């Protein structure tokens, strides 16, 4: 399995170019020569901003859009500690501070950060050579060795049940006697029908997830050995630069967690995993934790795409994309 699913925003944010340009001048003293919307932002909107001297990524989010919520200053502190204090340069630079003195600012109805651009190709657009895989494994090992001060640490893994709860609520809605299909568009109807068809399997996976989460929460030895994790080193967040280096981008959700949080994604690159295990003397993965993250991934994809279609107010193009991604994932549950 390749963990590259991206919750693309196919249509632009509700902001016109003139408003965007004025905001960049006011907040960053930047005069953009060109602002290009990139329709692959995960749970948000991304614009490539070109000035005479540099290129930036403007990232916009709305807290209700995804389970990860919006940007967080504590997480930015983590990012800054890794980049400046530890001197790790194979990661994207931290957000730029605005004239307001803040790193997170408001642009219309959106939370916004501005991040220096890293030139390169995502790993989902190219295979990683053995050398690149080994560099990635070394980078993850370096991150896992970092010991941050308390005020620099990101949130701690709680083995949350939120996706099981959200799935339960969504299934209850579409199976309820008051569920009205008459006002649904075709994408919502297809989604409701597919989830109904898969109800027994989805319910079984959710029950396994809840049981396993409770077991892991009670394992103090596991909790005592949490490390700093990127949280999502999937192929969309691994960038290969023109000089053949590997970078990790998208530092929106680092977390103190078992190493398996990152290794769950790393296992698609055998040489990366081998190099990591050699460097960290970590020969065996915890099968329970790996299974937890597998179940979490499954539930998360169904919940986030399902909620966006059923409860969102998106145009035809966005709904078509979200349904295509949801359908592909549901096939792993047996959907025909």
C-alpha atoms as a PDB file:
ATOM      1  CA  UNK A   1       0.000   0.000   0.000  1.00  0.00           C
ATOM      2  CA  UNK A   2       1.280   3.482  -0.840  1.00  0.00           C
ATOM      3  CA  UNK A   3       0.165   6.175   1.576  1.00  0.00           C
ATOM      4  CA  UNK A   4      -0.282   9.074  -0.807  1.00  0.00           C
ATOM      5  CA  UNK A   5      -3.980   9.875  -0.566  1.00  0.00           C
ATOM      6  CA  UNK A   6      -4.393  13.636  -0.631  1.00  0.00           C
ATOM      7  CA  UNK A   7      -7.589  15.474   0.184  1.00  0.00           C
ATOM      8  CA  UNK A   8      -7.194  17.895  -2.702  1.00  0.00           C
ATOM      9  CA  UNK A   9      -8.916  21.223  -2.753  1.00  0.00           C
ATOM     10  CA  UNK A  10      -9.792  21.430  -6.431  1.00  0.00           C
ATOM     11  CA  UNK A  11     -11.294  24.901  -6.277  1.00  0.00           C
ATOM     12  CA  UNK A  12      -9.697  28.059  -4.934  1.00  0.00           C
ATOM     13  CA  UNK A  13     -10.362  29.700  -1.592  1.00  0.00           C
ATOM     14  CA  UNK A  14     -12.991  32.416  -1.534  1.00  0.00           C
ATOM     15  CA  UNK A  15     -10.405  35.189  -1.872  1.00  0.00           C
ATOM     16  CA  UNK A  16      -9.733  37.332  -4.934  1.00  0.00           C
ATOM     17  CA  UNK A  17      -6.231  38.045  -6.208  1.00  0.00           C
ATOM     18  CA  UNK A  18      -6.397  41.732  -5.310  1.00  0.00           C
ATOM     19  CA  UNK A  19      -7.288  40.937  -1.684  1.00  0.00           C
ATOM     20  CA  UNK A  20      -4.481  38.365  -1.569  1.00  0.00           C
ATOM     21  CA  UNK A  21      -1.926  40.826  -2.946  1.00  0.00           C
ATOM     22  CA  UNK A  22      -2.868  43.567  -0.464  1.00  0.00           C
ATOM     23  CA  UNK A  23      -2.689  41.102   2.420  1.00  0.00           C
ATOM     24  CA  UNK A  24       0.840  39.995   1.466  1.00  0.00           C
ATOM     25  CA  UNK A  25       2.016  43.603   1.300  1.00  0.00           C
ATOM     26  CA  UNK A  26       0.392  44.520   4.628  1.00  0.00           C
ATOM     27  CA  UNK A  27       1.431  41.402   6.564  1.00  0.00           C
ATOM     28  CA  UNK A  28       4.804  40.481   5.056  1.00  0.00           C
ATOM     29  CA  UNK A  29       5.971  43.516   3.076  1.00  0.00           C
ATOM     30  CA  UNK A  30       5.988  41.246   0.048  1.00  0.00           C
ATOM     31  CA  UNK A  31       4.927  42.406  -3.383  1.00  0.00           C
ATOM     32  CA  UNK A  32       3.911  39.284  -5.306  1.00  0.00           C
ATOM     33  CA  UNK A  33       4.708  39.098  -8.992  1.00  0.00           C
ATOM     34  CA  UNK A  34       2.601  35.988  -9.387  1.00  0.00           C
ATOM     35  CA  UNK A  35       0.258  33.955  -7.172  1.00  0.00           C
ATOM     36  CA  UNK A  36      -0.671  30.508  -8.475  1.00  0.00           C
ATOM     37  CA  UNK A  37      -3.243  28.220  -6.876  1.00  0.00           C
ATOM     38  CA  UNK A  38      -2.020  24.643  -6.456  1.00  0.00           C
ATOM     39  CA  UNK A  39      -4.967  22.221  -6.439  1.00  0.00           C
ATOM     40  CA  UNK A  40      -3.378  19.607  -4.217  1.00  0.00           C
ATOM     41  CA  UNK A  41      -3.523  21.107  -0.763  1.00  0.00           C
ATOM     42  CA  UNK A  42      -4.299  18.548   1.917  1.00  0.00           C
ATOM     43  CA  UNK A  43      -7.223  19.723   4.029  1.00  0.00           C
ATOM     44  CA  UNK A  44      -6.540  23.284   2.919  1.00  0.00           C
ATOM     45  CA  UNK A  45      -5.649  25.648   0.113  1.00  0.00           C
ATOM     46  CA  UNK A  46      -2.105  26.261  -1.132  1.00  0.00           C
ATOM     47  CA  UNK A  47      -0.824  29.136  -3.265  1.00  0.00           C
ATOM     48  CA  UNK A  48       2.615  29.416  -4.799  1.00  0.00           C
ATOM     49  CA  UNK A  49       3.728  33.021  -4.253  1.00  0.00           C
ATOM     50  CA  UNK A  50       6.521  34.441  -6.430  1.00  0.00           C
ATOM     51  CA  UNK A  51       8.283  37.698  -5.598  1.00  0.00           C
ATOM     52  CA  UNK A  52      11.297  39.281  -7.267  1.00  0.00           C
ATOM     53  CA  UNK A  53      13.627  37.634  -4.730  1.00  0.00           C
ATOM     54  CA  UNK A  54      12.020  34.427  -3.475  1.00  0.00           C
ATOM     55  CA  UNK A  55       9.204  31.905  -3.690  1.00  0.00           C
ATOM     56  CA  UNK A  56       6.818  30.995  -0.866  1.00  0.00           C
ATOM     57  CA  UNK A  57       3.944  28.659  -0.130  1.00  0.00           C
ATOM     58  CA  UNK A  58       0.869  30.342   1.319  1.00  0.00           C
ATOM     59  CA  UNK A  59      -1.185  27.779   3.237  1.00  0.00           C
ATOM     60  CA  UNK A  60      -4.799  28.466   4.202  1.00  0.00           C
ATOM     61  CA  UNK A  61      -6.961  26.370   6.500  1.00  0.00           C
ATOM     62  CA  UNK A  62     -10.355  26.371   8.141  1.00  0.00           C
ATOM     63  CA  UNK A  63     -10.518  24.577  11.516  1.00  0.00           C
ATOM     64  CA  UNK A  64     -13.672  22.588  10.701  1.00  0.00           C
ATOM     65  CA  UNK A  65     -12.379  21.176   7.415  1.00  0.00           C
ATOM     66  CA  UNK A  66     -10.357  18.220   8.713  1.00  0.00           C
ATOM     67  CA  UNK A  67      -9.779  16.362  11.940  1.00  0.00           C
ATOM     68  CA  UNK A  68      -6.317  17.910  12.221  1.00  0.00           C
ATOM     69  CA  UNK A  69      -7.897  21.342  12.627  1.00  0.00           C
ATOM     70  CA  UNK A  70      -5.866  24.440  11.831  1.00  0.00           C
ATOM     71  CA  UNK A  71      -2.348  25.672  12.504  1.00  0.00           C
ATOM     72  CA  UNK A  72      -0.944  25.658  16.041  1.00  0.00           C
ATOM     73  CA  UNK A  73       1.745  27.875  17.582  1.00  0.00           C
ATOM     74  CA  UNK A  74       3.063  25.044  19.757  1.00  0.00           C
ATOM     75  CA  UNK A  75       3.680  22.983  16.630  1.00  0.00           C
ATOM     76  CA  UNK A  76       5.426  25.928  14.993  1.00  0.00           C
ATOM     77  CA  UNK A  77       7.675  26.069  18.085  1.00  0.00           C
ATOM     78  CA  UNK A  78       8.564  22.407  17.469  1.00  0.00           C
ATOM     79  CA  UNK A  79       9.326  23.116  13.828  1.00  0.00           C
ATOM     80  CA  UNK A  80      11.536  26.088  14.747  1.00  0.00           C
ATOM     81  CA  UNK A  81      13.456  24.094  17.374  1.00  0.00           C
ATOM     82  CA  UNK A  82      14.268  21.368  14.867  1.00  0.00           C
ATOM     83  CA  UNK A  83      15.362  23.808  12.174  1.00  0.00           C
ATOM     84  CA  UNK A  84      17.228  26.407  14.224  1.00  0.00           C
ATOM     85  CA  UNK A  85      18.313  24.687  17.458  1.00  0.00           C
ATOM     86  CA  UNK A  86      19.066  21.234  16.088  1.00  0.00           C
ATOM     87  CA  UNK A  87      20.136  22.566  12.690  1.00  0.00           C
ATOM     88  CA  UNK A  88      18.153  19.973  10.728  1.00  0.00           C
ATOM     89  CA  UNK A  89      18.070  21.336   7.195  1.00  0.00           C
ATOM     90  CA  UNK A  90      16.374  18.429   5.417  1.00  0.00           C
ATOM     91  CA  UNK A  91      13.006  19.832   6.434  1.00  0.00           C
ATOM     92  CA  UNK A  92      10.992  22.764   5.173  1.00  0.00           C
ATOM     93  CA  UNK A  93      11.800  26.098   6.804  1.00  0.00           C
ATOM     94  CA  UNK A  94       9.435  27.235   9.564  1.00  0.00           C
ATOM     95  CA  UNK A  95       6.715  29.790   8.768  1.00  0.00           C
ATOM     96  CA  UNK A  96       7.685  33.421   8.282  1.00  0.00           C
ATOM     97  CA  UNK A  97       6.780  35.905  11.023  1.00  0.00           C
ATOM     98  CA  UNK A  98       4.413  38.604   9.790  1.00  0.00           C
ATOM     99  CA  UNK A  99       4.476  42.334  10.555  1.00  0.00           C
ATOM    100  CA  UNK A 100       1.846  41.557  13.208  1.00  0.00           C
ATOM    101  CA  UNK A 101       4.532  39.651  15.116  1.00  0.00           C
ATOM    102  CA  UNK A 102       2.571  36.450  14.599  1.00  0.00           C
ATOM    103  CA  UNK A 103       3.271  33.361  12.523  1.00  0.00           C
ATOM    104  CA  UNK A 104      -0.414  32.473  12.128  1.00  0.00           C
ATOM    105  CA  UNK A 105      -2.568  35.244  10.681  1.00  0.00           C
ATOM    106  CA  UNK A 106      -6.061  35.726   9.278  1.00  0.00           C
ATOM    107  CA  UNK A 107      -6.813  36.131   5.584  1.00  0.00           C
ATOM    108  CA  UNK A 108     -10.543  36.571   5.160  1.00  0.00           C
ATOM    109  CA  UNK A 109     -12.226  33.513   6.677  1.00  0.00           C
ATOM    110  CA  UNK A 110      -8.995  31.509   6.705  1.00  0.00           C
ATOM    111  CA  UNK A 111      -6.062  30.907   9.041  1.00  0.00           C
ATOM    112  CA  UNK A 112      -2.865  31.496   7.100  1.00  0.00           C
ATOM    113  CA  UNK A 113       0.864  30.825   7.298  1.00  0.00           C
ATOM    114  CA  UNK A 114       3.618  31.652   4.814  1.00  0.00           C
ATOM    115  CA  UNK A 115       6.436  29.125   4.349  1.00  0.00           C
ATOM    116  CA  UNK A 116       9.579  29.396   2.167  1.00  0.00           C
ATOM    117  CA  UNK A 117       9.283  27.150  -0.879  1.00  0.00           C
ATOM    118  CA  UNK A 118      11.430  24.015  -1.340  1.00  0.00           C
ATOM    119  CA  UNK A 119      12.063  23.149  -4.975  1.00  0.00           C
ATOM    120  CA  UNK A 120      11.739  19.461  -5.787  1.00  0.00           C
ATOM    121  CA  UNK A 121       9.560  16.524  -6.778  1.00  0.00           C
ATOM    122  CA  UNK A 122       7.217  14.663  -4.378  1.00  0.00           C
ATOM    123  CA  UNK A 123       7.987  10.981  -3.901  1.00  0.00           C
ATOM    124  CA  UNK A 124       4.558  10.040  -5.260  1.00  0.00           C
ATOM    125  CA  UNK A 125       5.707  11.411  -8.640  1.00  0.00           C
ATOM    126  CA  UNK A 126       8.980   9.477  -8.740  1.00  0.00           C
ATOM    127  CA  UNK A 127      10.406   6.247  -7.290  1.00  0.00           C
ATOM    128  CA  UNK A 128      12.963   6.663  -4.534  1.00  0.00           C
ATOM    129  CA  UNK A 129      16.322   5.106  -5.355  1.00  0.00           C
ATOM    130  CA  UNK A 130      18.061   3.022  -2.704  1.00  0.00           C
ATOM    131  CA  UNK A 131      20.279   6.001  -1.885  1.00  0.00           C
ATOM    132  CA  UNK A 132      17.286   8.318  -1.440  1.00  0.00           C
ATOM    133  CA  UNK A 133      15.517   5.740   0.684  1.00  0.00           C
ATOM    134  CA  UNK A 134      18.548   5.454   2.942  1.00  0.00           C
ATOM    135  CA  UNK A 135      18.707   9.240   3.267  1.00  0.00           C
ATOM    136  CA  UNK A 136      15.041   9.255   4.281  1.00  0.00           C
ATOM    137  CA  UNK A 137      15.600   6.523   6.866  1.00  0.00           C
ATOM    138  CA  UNK A 138      18.532   8.496   8.283  1.00  0.00           C
ATOM    139  CA  UNK A 139      16.427  11.662   8.465  1.00  0.00           C
ATOM    140  CA  UNK A 140      13.615   9.925  10.366  1.00  0.00           C
ATOM    141  CA  UNK A 141      16.180   8.430  12.787  1.00  0.00           C
ATOM    142  CA  UNK A 142      17.661  11.907  13.364  1.00  0.00           C
ATOM    143  CA  UNK A 143      14.226  13.301  14.185  1.00  0.00           C
ATOM    144  CA  UNK A 144      13.432  10.449  16.554  1.00  0.00           C
ATOM    145  CA  UNK A 145      16.649  11.129  18.488  1.00  0.00           C
ATOM    146  CA  UNK A 146      15.784  14.790  19.157  1.00  0.00           C
ATOM    147  CA  UNK A 147      15.093  15.619  22.814  1.00  0.00           C
ATOM    148  CA  UNK A 148      13.068  18.815  22.957  1.00  0.00           C
ATOM    149  CA  UNK A 149      12.316  21.014  25.944  1.00  0.00           C
ATOM    150  CA  UNK A 150       8.781  20.846  27.286  1.00  0.00           C
ATOM    151  CA  UNK A 151       7.780  24.152  25.678  1.00  0.00           C
ATOM    152  CA  UNK A 152       9.034  22.945  22.291  1.00  0.00           C
ATOM    153  CA  UNK A 153       7.309  19.585  22.232  1.00  0.00           C
ATOM    154  CA  UNK A 154       4.281  18.930  20.028  1.00  0.00           C
ATOM    155  CA  UNK A 155       1.097  17.211  21.282  1.00  0.00           C
ATOM    156  CA  UNK A 156       1.344  13.705  22.717  1.00  0.00           C
ATOM    157  CA  UNK A 157      -0.248  10.633  21.157  1.00  0.00           C
ATOM    158  CA  UNK A 158      -3.455   9.827  23.055  1.00  0.00           C
ATOM    159  CA  UNK A 159      -4.567   6.890  20.884  1.00  0.00           C
ATOM    160  CA  UNK A 160      -7.714   8.853  20.220  1.00  0.00           C
ATOM    161  CA  UNK A 161     -11.032   7.223  19.372  1.00  0.00           C
ATOM    162  CA  UNK A 162     -12.269  10.236  17.389  1.00  0.00           C
ATOM    163  CA  UNK A 163     -12.393   8.499  14.009  1.00  0.00           C
ATOM    164  CA  UNK A 164     -14.361   5.571  15.421  1.00  0.00           C
ATOM    165  CA  UNK A 165     -16.815   8.025  16.986  1.00  0.00           C
ATOM    166  CA  UNK A 166     -17.135  10.097  13.830  1.00  0.00           C
ATOM    167  CA  UNK A 167     -17.668   6.982  11.737  1.00  0.00           C
ATOM    168  CA  UNK A 168     -20.337   5.801  14.171  1.00  0.00           C
ATOM    169  CA  UNK A 169     -22.128   9.154  13.945  1.00  0.00           C
ATOM    170  CA  UNK A 170     -21.985   9.151  10.161  1.00  0.00           C
ATOM    171  CA  UNK A 171     -23.317   5.595   9.915  1.00  0.00           C
ATOM    172  CA  UNK A 172     -26.093   6.414  12.387  1.00  0.00           C
ATOM    173  CA  UNK A 173     -27.105   9.399  10.266  1.00  0.00           C
ATOM    174  CA  UNK A 174     -27.421   7.520   6.996  1.00  0.00           C
ATOM    175  CA  UNK A 175     -29.125   4.493   8.568  1.00  0.00           C
ATOM    176  CA  UNK A 176     -31.575   6.516  10.673  1.00  0.00           C
ATOM    177  CA  UNK A 177     -35.295   6.492   9.986  1.00  0.00           C
ATOM    178  CA  UNK A 178     -35.256  10.270   9.521  1.00  0.00           C
ATOM    179  CA  UNK A 179     -32.544  10.172   6.855  1.00  0.00           C
ATOM    180  CA  UNK A 180     -33.951  12.015   3.819  1.00  0.00           C
ATOM    181  CA  UNK A 181     -32.421  11.135   0.450  1.00  0.00           C
ATOM    182  CA  UNK A 182     -34.572  13.557  -1.495  1.00  0.00           C
ATOM    183  CA  UNK A 183     -32.290  16.538  -0.937  1.00  0.00           C
ATOM    184  CA  UNK A 184     -29.036  14.741  -1.681  1.00  0.00           C
ATOM    185  CA  UNK A 185     -26.934  15.236  -4.787  1.00  0.00           C
ATOM    186  CA  UNK A 186     -25.697  12.167  -6.658  1.00  0.00           C
ATOM    187  CA  UNK A 187     -22.340  12.129  -4.856  1.00  0.00           C
ATOM    188  CA  UNK A 188     -24.028  12.165  -1.462  1.00  0.00           C
ATOM    189  CA  UNK A 189     -26.414   9.397  -2.536  1.00  0.00           C
ATOM    190  CA  UNK A 190     -23.527   7.232  -3.783  1.00  0.00           C
ATOM    191  CA  UNK A 191     -21.633   7.802  -0.563  1.00  0.00           C
ATOM    192  CA  UNK A 192     -24.622   6.945   1.620  1.00  0.00           C
ATOM    193  CA  UNK A 193     -25.312   3.772  -0.384  1.00  0.00           C
ATOM    194  CA  UNK A 194     -21.672   2.648  -0.238  1.00  0.00           C
ATOM    195  CA  UNK A 195     -21.424   3.177   3.523  1.00  0.00           C
ATOM    196  CA  UNK A 196     -24.670   1.297   4.084  1.00  0.00           C
ATOM    197  CA  UNK A 197     -23.384  -1.607   2.014  1.00  0.00           C
ATOM    198  CA  UNK A 198     -20.167  -1.751   4.029  1.00  0.00           C
ATOM    199  CA  UNK A 199     -21.781  -1.152   7.424  1.00  0.00           C
ATOM    200  CA  UNK A 200     -20.914  -4.602   8.927  1.00  0.00           C
ATOM    201  CA  UNK A 201     -17.264  -4.402   7.878  1.00  0.00           C
ATOM    202  CA  UNK A 202     -16.863  -0.778   8.945  1.00  0.00           C
ATOM    203  CA  UNK A 203     -18.453  -1.524  12.307  1.00  0.00           C
ATOM    204  CA  UNK A 204     -16.083  -4.470  12.821  1.00  0.00           C
ATOM    205  CA  UNK A 205     -12.987  -2.384  11.983  1.00  0.00           C
ATOM    206  CA  UNK A 206     -14.120   0.397  14.304  1.00  0.00           C
ATOM    207  CA  UNK A 207     -14.622  -2.092  17.167  1.00  0.00           C
ATOM    208  CA  UNK A 208     -11.120  -3.517  16.640  1.00  0.00           C
ATOM    209  CA  UNK A 209      -9.720   0.005  16.628  1.00  0.00           C
ATOM    210  CA  UNK A 210     -11.414   0.942  19.922  1.00  0.00           C
ATOM    211  CA  UNK A 211     -10.262  -2.244  21.657  1.00  0.00           C
ATOM    212  CA  UNK A 212      -6.668  -1.823  20.514  1.00  0.00           C
ATOM    213  CA  UNK A 213      -6.572   1.871  21.444  1.00  0.00           C
ATOM    214  CA  UNK A 214      -7.587   1.028  25.015  1.00  0.00           C
ATOM    215  CA  UNK A 215      -4.828  -1.593  25.258  1.00  0.00           C
ATOM    216  CA  UNK A 216      -2.162   0.830  24.038  1.00  0.00           C
ATOM    217  CA  UNK A 217      -3.334   3.606  26.357  1.00  0.00           C
ATOM    218  CA  UNK A 218      -2.695   1.370  29.350  1.00  0.00           C
ATOM    219  CA  UNK A 219       0.843   0.370  28.297  1.00  0.00           C
ATOM    220  CA  UNK A 220       3.093   2.699  30.322  1.00  0.00           C
ATOM    221  CA  UNK A 221       6.279   1.191  28.887  1.00  0.00           C
ATOM    222  CA  UNK A 222       5.120   2.174  25.422  1.00  0.00           C
ATOM    223  CA  UNK A 223       4.255   5.713  26.546  1.00  0.00           C
ATOM    224  CA  UNK A 224       7.598   6.154  28.325  1.00  0.00           C
ATOM    225  CA  UNK A 225       9.422   5.551  25.031  1.00  0.00           C
ATOM    226  CA  UNK A 226       7.620   8.063  22.836  1.00  0.00           C
ATOM    227  CA  UNK A 227       9.806   9.935  20.339  1.00  0.00           C
ATOM    228  CA  UNK A 228       9.390  13.046  18.234  1.00  0.00           C
ATOM    229  CA  UNK A 229       7.600  12.003  15.040  1.00  0.00           C
ATOM    230  CA  UNK A 230       6.848  13.973  11.888  1.00  0.00           C
ATOM    231  CA  UNK A 231       3.439  12.310  11.949  1.00  0.00           C
ATOM    232  CA  UNK A 232       2.875  11.912   8.206  1.00  0.00           C
ATOM    233  CA  UNK A 233       6.057  11.111   6.224  1.00  0.00           C
ATOM    234  CA  UNK A 234       3.967   9.797   3.336  1.00  0.00           C
ATOM    235  CA  UNK A 235       5.038  10.102  -0.300  1.00  0.00           C
ATOM    236  CA  UNK A 236       3.251  13.441  -0.652  1.00  0.00           C
ATOM    237  CA  UNK A 237       5.418  14.974   2.077  1.00  0.00           C
ATOM    238  CA  UNK A 238       8.767  13.558   0.932  1.00  0.00           C
ATOM    239  CA  UNK A 239      10.438  15.902  -1.561  1.00  0.00           C
ATOM    240  CA  UNK A 240      13.468  15.057  -3.726  1.00  0.00           C
ATOM    241  CA  UNK A 241      15.454  18.200  -4.512  1.00  0.00           C
ATOM    242  CA  UNK A 242      17.317  18.852  -7.786  1.00  0.00           C
ATOM    243  CA  UNK A 243      20.622  18.080  -6.010  1.00  0.00           C
ATOM    244  CA  UNK A 244      19.291  14.620  -5.041  1.00  0.00           C
ATOM    245  CA  UNK A 245      18.547  15.281  -1.387  1.00  0.00           C
ATOM    246  CA  UNK A 246      15.442  14.269   0.543  1.00  0.00           C
ATOM    247  CA  UNK A 247      13.314  16.763   2.465  1.00  0.00           C
ATOM    248  CA  UNK A 248      10.307  16.376   4.736  1.00  0.00           C
ATOM    249  CA  UNK A 249       7.672  19.056   4.316  1.00  0.00           C
ATOM    250  CA  UNK A 250       4.249  19.786   5.836  1.00  0.00           C
ATOM    251  CA  UNK A 251       5.036  20.198   9.531  1.00  0.00           C
ATOM    252  CA  UNK A 252       1.411  20.748  10.518  1.00  0.00           C
ATOM    253  CA  UNK A 253       1.102  17.693  12.759  1.00  0.00           C
ATOM    254  CA  UNK A 254       4.313  16.523  14.480  1.00  0.00           C
ATOM    255  CA  UNK A 255       3.600  14.426  17.556  1.00  0.00           C
ATOM    256  CA  UNK A 256       5.272  12.678  20.478  1.00  0.00           C
ATOM    257  CA  UNK A 257       4.406   9.064  19.749  1.00  0.00           C
ATOM    258  CA  UNK A 258       5.772   5.550  19.293  1.00  0.00           C
ATOM    259  CA  UNK A 259       8.359   5.338  16.462  1.00  0.00           C
ATOM    260  CA  UNK A 260       5.781   3.296  14.546  1.00  0.00           C
ATOM    261  CA  UNK A 261       3.811   6.489  13.939  1.00  0.00           C
ATOM    262  CA  UNK A 262       6.382   7.383  11.257  1.00  0.00           C
ATOM    263  CA  UNK A 263       7.507   3.850  10.466  1.00  0.00           C
ATOM    264  CA  UNK A 264       3.959   2.969   9.414  1.00  0.00           C
ATOM    265  CA  UNK A 265       4.578   5.168   6.346  1.00  0.00           C
ATOM    266  CA  UNK A 266       8.262   4.332   5.998  1.00  0.00           C
ATOM    267  CA  UNK A 267       7.642   0.623   5.437  1.00  0.00           C
ATOM    268  CA  UNK A 268       6.814   1.271   1.757  1.00  0.00           C
ATOM    269  CA  UNK A 269      10.553   2.000   1.268  1.00  0.00           C
ATOM    270  CA  UNK A 270      12.538  -1.098   2.381  1.00  0.00           C
ATOM    271  CA  UNK A 271      15.966   0.546   2.334  1.00  0.00           C
ATOM    272  CA  UNK A 272      14.681   3.479   4.380  1.00  0.00           C
ATOM    273  CA  UNK A 273      13.320   1.082   6.981  1.00  0.00           C
ATOM    274  CA  UNK A 274      16.541  -0.961   7.011  1.00  0.00           C
ATOM    275  CA  UNK A 275      18.726   2.110   7.460  1.00  0.00           C
ATOM    276  CA  UNK A 276      16.483   3.436  10.223  1.00  0.00           C
ATOM    277  CA  UNK A 277      16.521   0.147  12.118  1.00  0.00           C
ATOM    278  CA  UNK A 278      20.307  -0.123  11.829  1.00  0.00           C
ATOM    279  CA  UNK A 279      20.852   3.427  13.070  1.00  0.00           C
ATOM    280  CA  UNK A 280      18.367   3.176  15.934  1.00  0.00           C
ATOM    281  CA  UNK A 281      19.044  -0.458  16.873  1.00  0.00           C
ATOM    282  CA  UNK A 282      15.303  -1.025  16.550  1.00  0.00           C
ATOM    283  CA  UNK A 283      15.037  -4.444  14.870  1.00  0.00           C
ATOM    284  CA  UNK A 284      11.402  -5.267  15.640  1.00  0.00           C
ATOM    285  CA  UNK A 285       8.320  -3.105  15.115  1.00  0.00           C
ATOM    286  CA  UNK A 286       5.510  -3.313  17.654  1.00  0.00           C
ATOM    287  CA  UNK A 287       2.809  -5.222  15.765  1.00  0.00           C
ATOM    288  CA  UNK A 288       0.058  -3.851  18.008  1.00  0.00           C
ATOM    289  CA  UNK A 289       1.009  -0.242  17.304  1.00  0.00           C
ATOM    290  CA  UNK A 290       1.392  -0.856  13.578  1.00  0.00           C
ATOM    291  CA  UNK A 291      -2.066  -2.424  13.513  1.00  0.00           C
ATOM    292  CA  UNK A 292      -3.499   0.555  15.397  1.00  0.00           C
ATOM    293  CA  UNK A 293      -2.106   2.997  12.822  1.00  0.00           C
ATOM    294  CA  UNK A 294      -3.341   0.815   9.964  1.00  0.00           C
ATOM    295  CA  UNK A 295      -6.860   0.858  11.390  1.00  0.00           C
ATOM    296  CA  UNK A 296      -6.629   4.584  12.107  1.00  0.00           C
ATOM    297  CA  UNK A 297      -5.602   5.257   8.508  1.00  0.00           C
ATOM    298  CA  UNK A 298      -8.518   3.189   7.185  1.00  0.00           C
ATOM    299  CA  UNK A 299     -11.079   4.920   9.389  1.00  0.00           C
ATOM    300  CA  UNK A 300      -9.629   8.383   8.861  1.00  0.00           C
ATOM    301  CA  UNK A 301      -9.853   8.199   5.079  1.00  0.00           C
ATOM    302  CA  UNK A 302     -13.458   6.997   5.143  1.00  0.00           C
ATOM    303  CA  UNK A 303     -14.477   9.594   7.720  1.00  0.00           C
ATOM    304  CA  UNK A 304     -12.795  12.604   6.170  1.00  0.00           C
ATOM    305  CA  UNK A 305     -13.855  11.944   2.572  1.00  0.00           C
ATOM    306  CA  UNK A 306     -17.302  10.766   3.685  1.00  0.00           C
ATOM    307  CA  UNK A 307     -17.913  13.834   5.841  1.00  0.00           C
ATOM    308  CA  UNK A 308     -16.768  16.198   3.130  1.00  0.00           C
ATOM    309  CA  UNK A 309     -19.213  14.718   0.645  1.00  0.00           C
ATOM    310  CA  UNK A 310     -22.181  14.188   2.961  1.00  0.00           C
ATOM    311  CA  UNK A 311     -21.972  17.388   4.987  1.00  0.00           C
ATOM    312  CA  UNK A 312     -19.930  19.748   2.823  1.00  0.00           C
ATOM    313  CA  UNK A 313     -21.142  22.334   0.361  1.00  0.00           C
ATOM    314  CA  UNK A 314     -18.748  21.783  -2.504  1.00  0.00           C
ATOM    315  CA  UNK A 315     -19.029  22.133  -6.252  1.00  0.00           C
ATOM    316  CA  UNK A 316     -19.297  19.281  -8.753  1.00  0.00           C
ATOM    317  CA  UNK A 317     -15.577  19.096  -9.429  1.00  0.00           C
ATOM    318  CA  UNK A 318     -14.647  18.829  -5.743  1.00  0.00           C
ATOM    319  CA  UNK A 319     -17.337  16.226  -5.032  1.00  0.00           C
ATOM    320  CA  UNK A 320     -16.239  14.130  -7.997  1.00  0.00           C
ATOM    321  CA  UNK A 321     -12.648  14.128  -6.763  1.00  0.00           C
ATOM    322  CA  UNK A 322     -13.645  13.276  -3.186  1.00  0.00           C
ATOM    323  CA  UNK A 323     -15.901  10.443  -4.336  1.00  0.00           C
ATOM    324  CA  UNK A 324     -13.148   8.971  -6.543  1.00  0.00           C
ATOM    325  CA  UNK A 325     -10.746   8.933  -3.583  1.00  0.00           C
ATOM    326  CA  UNK A 326     -13.375   7.539  -1.205  1.00  0.00           C
ATOM    327  CA  UNK A 327     -14.444   4.833  -3.655  1.00  0.00           C
ATOM    328  CA  UNK A 328     -10.831   3.702  -4.149  1.00  0.00           C
ATOM    329  CA  UNK A 329     -10.403   3.373  -0.407  1.00  0.00           C
ATOM    330  CA  UNK A 330     -13.729   1.626   0.126  1.00  0.00           C
ATOM    331  CA  UNK A 331     -12.693  -1.073  -2.342  1.00  0.00           C
ATOM    332  CA  UNK A 332     -10.176  -2.194   0.276  1.00  0.00           C
ATOM    333  CA  UNK A 333     -13.187  -2.919   2.515  1.00  0.00           C
ATOM    334  CA  UNK A 334     -14.869  -4.995  -0.217  1.00  0.00           C
ATOM    335  CA  UNK A 335     -16.930  -2.304  -1.968  1.00  0.00           C
ATOM    336  CA  UNK A 336     -17.988  -3.268  -5.493  1.00  0.00           C
END
